[in-house]
């Protein structure tokens, strides 16, 4: 679901919604979910850019 919101596939692009679902996946130990949240923090998409937070999420993969 987060992929759909983050990549515009039949839904309106919404980075905050994408991050919400990516974080849910990360909480369930899904490595791609953690990596995708990290990418959003790295690029500042839907959240304020924060390299430390990005590194933390990528460290969970």
PDB file of N, CA and C in Angstrom:
ATOM      1  N   UNK A   1       0.819  -1.185   0.000  1.00  0.00           N
ATOM      2  CA  UNK A   1       0.000   0.000   0.000  1.00  0.00           C
ATOM      3  C   UNK A   1       0.865   1.251   0.000  1.00  0.00           C
ATOM      4  N   UNK A   2       1.915   1.265   0.795  1.00  0.00           N
ATOM      5  CA  UNK A   2       2.797   2.424   0.826  1.00  0.00           C
ATOM      6  C   UNK A   2       3.411   2.692  -0.536  1.00  0.00           C
ATOM      7  N   UNK A   3       3.735   1.621  -1.261  1.00  0.00           N
ATOM      8  CA  UNK A   3       4.307   1.761  -2.599  1.00  0.00           C
ATOM      9  C   UNK A   3       3.342   2.491  -3.520  1.00  0.00           C
ATOM     10  N   UNK A   4       2.071   2.175  -3.422  1.00  0.00           N
ATOM     11  CA  UNK A   4       1.073   2.834  -4.265  1.00  0.00           C
ATOM     12  C   UNK A   4       1.022   4.326  -3.998  1.00  0.00           C
ATOM     13  N   UNK A   5       1.040   4.717  -2.743  1.00  0.00           N
ATOM     14  CA  UNK A   5       0.993   6.140  -2.403  1.00  0.00           C
ATOM     15  C   UNK A   5       2.294   6.848  -2.761  1.00  0.00           C
ATOM     16  N   UNK A   6       3.400   6.162  -2.656  1.00  0.00           N
ATOM     17  CA  UNK A   6       4.689   6.781  -2.938  1.00  0.00           C
ATOM     18  C   UNK A   6       5.039   6.837  -4.413  1.00  0.00           C
ATOM     19  N   UNK A   7       4.453   5.963  -5.224  1.00  0.00           N
ATOM     20  CA  UNK A   7       4.820   5.871  -6.627  1.00  0.00           C
ATOM     21  C   UNK A   7       3.689   6.235  -7.588  1.00  0.00           C
ATOM     22  N   UNK A   8       2.564   6.661  -7.108  1.00  0.00           N
ATOM     23  CA  UNK A   8       1.411   7.075  -7.909  1.00  0.00           C
ATOM     24  C   UNK A   8       0.940   5.949  -8.824  1.00  0.00           C
ATOM     25  N   UNK A   9       0.291   4.975  -8.246  1.00  0.00           N
ATOM     26  CA  UNK A   9      -0.287   3.899  -9.021  1.00  0.00           C
ATOM     27  C   UNK A   9      -1.768   3.811  -8.673  1.00  0.00           C
ATOM     28  N   UNK A  10      -2.551   4.462  -9.428  1.00  0.00           N
ATOM     29  CA  UNK A  10      -4.013   4.496  -9.310  1.00  0.00           C
ATOM     30  C   UNK A  10      -4.512   5.187  -8.046  1.00  0.00           C
ATOM     31  N   UNK A  11      -3.627   5.821  -7.300  1.00  0.00           N
ATOM     32  CA  UNK A  11      -4.029   6.657  -6.170  1.00  0.00           C
ATOM     33  C   UNK A  11      -3.264   7.970  -6.273  1.00  0.00           C
ATOM     34  N   UNK A  12      -3.791   8.991  -5.633  1.00  0.00           N
ATOM     35  CA  UNK A  12      -3.128  10.292  -5.637  1.00  0.00           C
ATOM     36  C   UNK A  12      -1.855  10.220  -4.805  1.00  0.00           C
ATOM     37  N   UNK A  13      -0.763  10.770  -5.322  1.00  0.00           N
ATOM     38  CA  UNK A  13       0.516  10.715  -4.615  1.00  0.00           C
ATOM     39  C   UNK A  13       0.401  11.430  -3.275  1.00  0.00           C
ATOM     40  N   UNK A  14       0.797  10.739  -2.214  1.00  0.00           N
ATOM     41  CA  UNK A  14       0.704  11.275  -0.872  1.00  0.00           C
ATOM     42  C   UNK A  14       1.859  10.685  -0.064  1.00  0.00           C
ATOM     43  N   UNK A  15       2.947  11.449   0.063  1.00  0.00           N
ATOM     44  CA  UNK A  15       4.133  10.931   0.740  1.00  0.00           C
ATOM     45  C   UNK A  15       3.880  10.635   2.211  1.00  0.00           C
ATOM     46  N   UNK A  16       3.068  11.460   2.881  1.00  0.00           N
ATOM     47  CA  UNK A  16       2.780  11.207   4.295  1.00  0.00           C
ATOM     48  C   UNK A  16       2.061   9.867   4.468  1.00  0.00           C
ATOM     49  N   UNK A  17       1.121   9.577   3.586  1.00  0.00           N
ATOM     50  CA  UNK A  17       0.401   8.307   3.656  1.00  0.00           C
ATOM     51  C   UNK A  17       1.337   7.141   3.340  1.00  0.00           C
ATOM     52  N   UNK A  18       2.224   7.340   2.376  1.00  0.00           N
ATOM     53  CA  UNK A  18       3.197   6.303   2.037  1.00  0.00           C
ATOM     54  C   UNK A  18       4.082   6.002   3.243  1.00  0.00           C
ATOM     55  N   UNK A  19       4.574   7.048   3.907  1.00  0.00           N
ATOM     56  CA  UNK A  19       5.435   6.861   5.077  1.00  0.00           C
ATOM     57  C   UNK A  19       4.687   6.118   6.180  1.00  0.00           C
ATOM     58  N   UNK A  20       3.428   6.452   6.360  1.00  0.00           N
ATOM     59  CA  UNK A  20       2.613   5.770   7.377  1.00  0.00           C
ATOM     60  C   UNK A  20       2.625   4.259   7.135  1.00  0.00           C
ATOM     61  N   UNK A  21       2.373   3.839   5.904  1.00  0.00           N
ATOM     62  CA  UNK A  21       2.333   2.406   5.604  1.00  0.00           C
ATOM     63  C   UNK A  21       3.723   1.780   5.611  1.00  0.00           C
ATOM     64  N   UNK A  22       4.736   2.511   5.144  1.00  0.00           N
ATOM     65  CA  UNK A  22       6.099   1.992   5.217  1.00  0.00           C
ATOM     66  C   UNK A  22       6.518   1.774   6.667  1.00  0.00           C
ATOM     67  N   UNK A  23       6.161   2.713   7.558  1.00  0.00           N
ATOM     68  CA  UNK A  23       6.502   2.559   8.971  1.00  0.00           C
ATOM     69  C   UNK A  23       5.769   1.373   9.585  1.00  0.00           C
ATOM     70  N   UNK A  24       4.514   1.174   9.196  1.00  0.00           N
ATOM     71  CA  UNK A  24       3.769   0.002   9.674  1.00  0.00           C
ATOM     72  C   UNK A  24       4.502  -1.276   9.269  1.00  0.00           C
ATOM     73  N   UNK A  25       4.940  -1.326   8.012  1.00  0.00           N
ATOM     74  CA  UNK A  25       5.661  -2.503   7.522  1.00  0.00           C
ATOM     75  C   UNK A  25       6.977  -2.672   8.278  1.00  0.00           C
ATOM     76  N   UNK A  26       7.669  -1.570   8.511  1.00  0.00           N
ATOM     77  CA  UNK A  26       8.939  -1.625   9.248  1.00  0.00           C
ATOM     78  C   UNK A  26       8.712  -2.136  10.666  1.00  0.00           C
ATOM     79  N   UNK A  27       7.638  -1.697  11.299  1.00  0.00           N
ATOM     80  CA  UNK A  27       7.298  -2.165  12.645  1.00  0.00           C
ATOM     81  C   UNK A  27       7.077  -3.675  12.675  1.00  0.00           C
ATOM     82  N   UNK A  28       6.664  -4.221  11.535  1.00  0.00           N
ATOM     83  CA  UNK A  28       6.434  -5.661  11.422  1.00  0.00           C
ATOM     84  C   UNK A  28       7.672  -6.393  10.910  1.00  0.00           C
ATOM     85  N   UNK A  29       8.824  -5.712  10.983  1.00  0.00           N
ATOM     86  CA  UNK A  29      10.133  -6.282  10.618  1.00  0.00           C
ATOM     87  C   UNK A  29      10.306  -6.488   9.115  1.00  0.00           C
ATOM     88  N   UNK A  30       9.594  -5.701   8.308  1.00  0.00           N
ATOM     89  CA  UNK A  30       9.750  -5.761   6.860  1.00  0.00           C
ATOM     90  C   UNK A  30      10.892  -4.835   6.446  1.00  0.00           C
ATOM     91  N   UNK A  31      11.970  -5.415   5.920  1.00  0.00           N
ATOM     92  CA  UNK A  31      13.154  -4.629   5.590  1.00  0.00           C
ATOM     93  C   UNK A  31      12.891  -3.588   4.507  1.00  0.00           C
ATOM     94  N   UNK A  32      12.079  -3.902   3.522  1.00  0.00           N
ATOM     95  CA  UNK A  32      11.782  -2.936   2.460  1.00  0.00           C
ATOM     96  C   UNK A  32      11.005  -1.748   3.016  1.00  0.00           C
ATOM     97  N   UNK A  33      10.120  -2.006   3.973  1.00  0.00           N
ATOM     98  CA  UNK A  33       9.398  -0.908   4.609  1.00  0.00           C
ATOM     99  C   UNK A  33      10.362   0.041   5.303  1.00  0.00           C
ATOM    100  N   UNK A  34      11.320  -0.524   6.037  1.00  0.00           N
ATOM    101  CA  UNK A  34      12.328   0.303   6.727  1.00  0.00           C
ATOM    102  C   UNK A  34      13.174   1.077   5.724  1.00  0.00           C
ATOM    103  N   UNK A  35      13.592   0.405   4.661  1.00  0.00           N
ATOM    104  CA  UNK A  35      14.417   1.061   3.646  1.00  0.00           C
ATOM    105  C   UNK A  35      13.657   2.200   2.979  1.00  0.00           C
ATOM    106  N   UNK A  36      12.382   1.990   2.704  1.00  0.00           N
ATOM    107  CA  UNK A  36      11.589   3.030   2.046  1.00  0.00           C
ATOM    108  C   UNK A  36      11.364   4.240   2.950  1.00  0.00           C
ATOM    109  N   UNK A  37      11.175   4.019   4.239  1.00  0.00           N
ATOM    110  CA  UNK A  37      11.063   5.152   5.159  1.00  0.00           C
ATOM    111  C   UNK A  37      12.390   5.919   5.154  1.00  0.00           C
ATOM    112  N   UNK A  38      13.487   5.190   5.178  1.00  0.00           N
ATOM    113  CA  UNK A  38      14.798   5.828   5.141  1.00  0.00           C
ATOM    114  C   UNK A  38      14.988   6.688   3.901  1.00  0.00           C
ATOM    115  N   UNK A  39      14.552   6.193   2.773  1.00  0.00           N
ATOM    116  CA  UNK A  39      14.669   6.953   1.522  1.00  0.00           C
ATOM    117  C   UNK A  39      13.863   8.242   1.596  1.00  0.00           C
ATOM    118  N   UNK A  40      12.677   8.181   2.182  1.00  0.00           N
ATOM    119  CA  UNK A  40      11.841   9.386   2.300  1.00  0.00           C
ATOM    120  C   UNK A  40      12.528  10.422   3.184  1.00  0.00           C
ATOM    121  N   UNK A  41      13.171   9.981   4.271  1.00  0.00           N
ATOM    122  CA  UNK A  41      13.899  10.918   5.125  1.00  0.00           C
ATOM    123  C   UNK A  41      15.144  11.459   4.414  1.00  0.00           C
ATOM    124  N   UNK A  42      15.799  10.628   3.650  1.00  0.00           N
ATOM    125  CA  UNK A  42      16.987  11.065   2.918  1.00  0.00           C
ATOM    126  C   UNK A  42      16.624  12.139   1.890  1.00  0.00           C
ATOM    127  N   UNK A  43      15.514  11.929   1.174  1.00  0.00           N
ATOM    128  CA  UNK A  43      15.093  12.859   0.127  1.00  0.00           C
ATOM    129  C   UNK A  43      14.224  14.002   0.643  1.00  0.00           C
ATOM    130  N   UNK A  44      13.758  13.905   1.871  1.00  0.00           N
ATOM    131  CA  UNK A  44      12.873  14.938   2.402  1.00  0.00           C
ATOM    132  C   UNK A  44      11.505  14.919   1.734  1.00  0.00           C
ATOM    133  N   UNK A  45      11.007  13.740   1.431  1.00  0.00           N
ATOM    134  CA  UNK A  45       9.700  13.593   0.782  1.00  0.00           C
ATOM    135  C   UNK A  45       8.643  13.259   1.824  1.00  0.00           C
ATOM    136  N   UNK A  46       7.798  14.226   2.119  1.00  0.00           N
ATOM    137  CA  UNK A  46       6.736  14.003   3.088  1.00  0.00           C
ATOM    138  C   UNK A  46       7.160  14.224   4.526  1.00  0.00           C
ATOM    139  N   UNK A  47       8.457  14.366   4.742  1.00  0.00           N
ATOM    140  CA  UNK A  47       9.026  14.625   6.068  1.00  0.00           C
ATOM    141  C   UNK A  47      10.186  15.595   5.897  1.00  0.00           C
ATOM    142  N   UNK A  48      10.585  16.222   6.990  1.00  0.00           N
ATOM    143  CA  UNK A  48      11.762  17.084   6.939  1.00  0.00           C
ATOM    144  C   UNK A  48      12.992  16.213   6.734  1.00  0.00           C
ATOM    145  N   UNK A  49      13.859  16.611   5.826  1.00  0.00           N
ATOM    146  CA  UNK A  49      15.057  15.826   5.546  1.00  0.00           C
ATOM    147  C   UNK A  49      15.873  15.656   6.819  1.00  0.00           C
ATOM    148  N   UNK A  50      16.268  14.417   7.099  1.00  0.00           N
ATOM    149  CA  UNK A  50      17.006  14.119   8.320  1.00  0.00           C
ATOM    150  C   UNK A  50      17.890  12.897   8.049  1.00  0.00           C
ATOM    151  N   UNK A  51      19.166  13.138   7.867  1.00  0.00           N
ATOM    152  CA  UNK A  51      20.094  12.064   7.529  1.00  0.00           C
ATOM    153  C   UNK A  51      20.270  11.091   8.695  1.00  0.00           C
ATOM    154  N   UNK A  52      20.233  11.576   9.934  1.00  0.00           N
ATOM    155  CA  UNK A  52      20.373  10.666  11.081  1.00  0.00           C
ATOM    156  C   UNK A  52      19.210   9.690  11.154  1.00  0.00           C
ATOM    157  N   UNK A  53      18.002  10.178  10.920  1.00  0.00           N
ATOM    158  CA  UNK A  53      16.831   9.294  10.926  1.00  0.00           C
ATOM    159  C   UNK A  53      16.913   8.319   9.759  1.00  0.00           C
ATOM    160  N   UNK A  54      17.372   8.806   8.616  1.00  0.00           N
ATOM    161  CA  UNK A  54      17.541   7.934   7.444  1.00  0.00           C
ATOM    162  C   UNK A  54      18.496   6.797   7.775  1.00  0.00           C
ATOM    163  N   UNK A  55      19.621   7.126   8.411  1.00  0.00           N
ATOM    164  CA  UNK A  55      20.597   6.095   8.765  1.00  0.00           C
ATOM    165  C   UNK A  55      20.011   5.093   9.760  1.00  0.00           C
ATOM    166  N   UNK A  56      19.203   5.584  10.690  1.00  0.00           N
ATOM    167  CA  UNK A  56      18.590   4.700  11.680  1.00  0.00           C
ATOM    168  C   UNK A  56      17.676   3.685  10.991  1.00  0.00           C
ATOM    169  N   UNK A  57      16.836   4.157  10.067  1.00  0.00           N
ATOM    170  CA  UNK A  57      15.947   3.231   9.348  1.00  0.00           C
ATOM    171  C   UNK A  57      16.730   2.276   8.464  1.00  0.00           C
ATOM    172  N   UNK A  58      17.749   2.754   7.794  1.00  0.00           N
ATOM    173  CA  UNK A  58      18.543   1.851   6.959  1.00  0.00           C
ATOM    174  C   UNK A  58      19.332   0.847   7.810  1.00  0.00           C
ATOM    175  N   UNK A  59      19.640   1.227   9.038  1.00  0.00           N
ATOM    176  CA  UNK A  59      20.322   0.302   9.938  1.00  0.00           C
ATOM    177  C   UNK A  59      19.436  -0.870  10.364  1.00  0.00           C
ATOM    178  N   UNK A  60      18.118  -0.690  10.225  1.00  0.00           N
ATOM    179  CA  UNK A  60      17.181  -1.758  10.591  1.00  0.00           C
ATOM    180  C   UNK A  60      17.032  -2.799   9.485  1.00  0.00           C
ATOM    181  N   UNK A  61      17.610  -2.520   8.308  1.00  0.00           N
ATOM    182  CA  UNK A  61      17.474  -3.472   7.193  1.00  0.00           C
ATOM    183  C   UNK A  61      18.504  -4.547   7.240  1.00  0.00           C
TER     184      UNK A  61
END
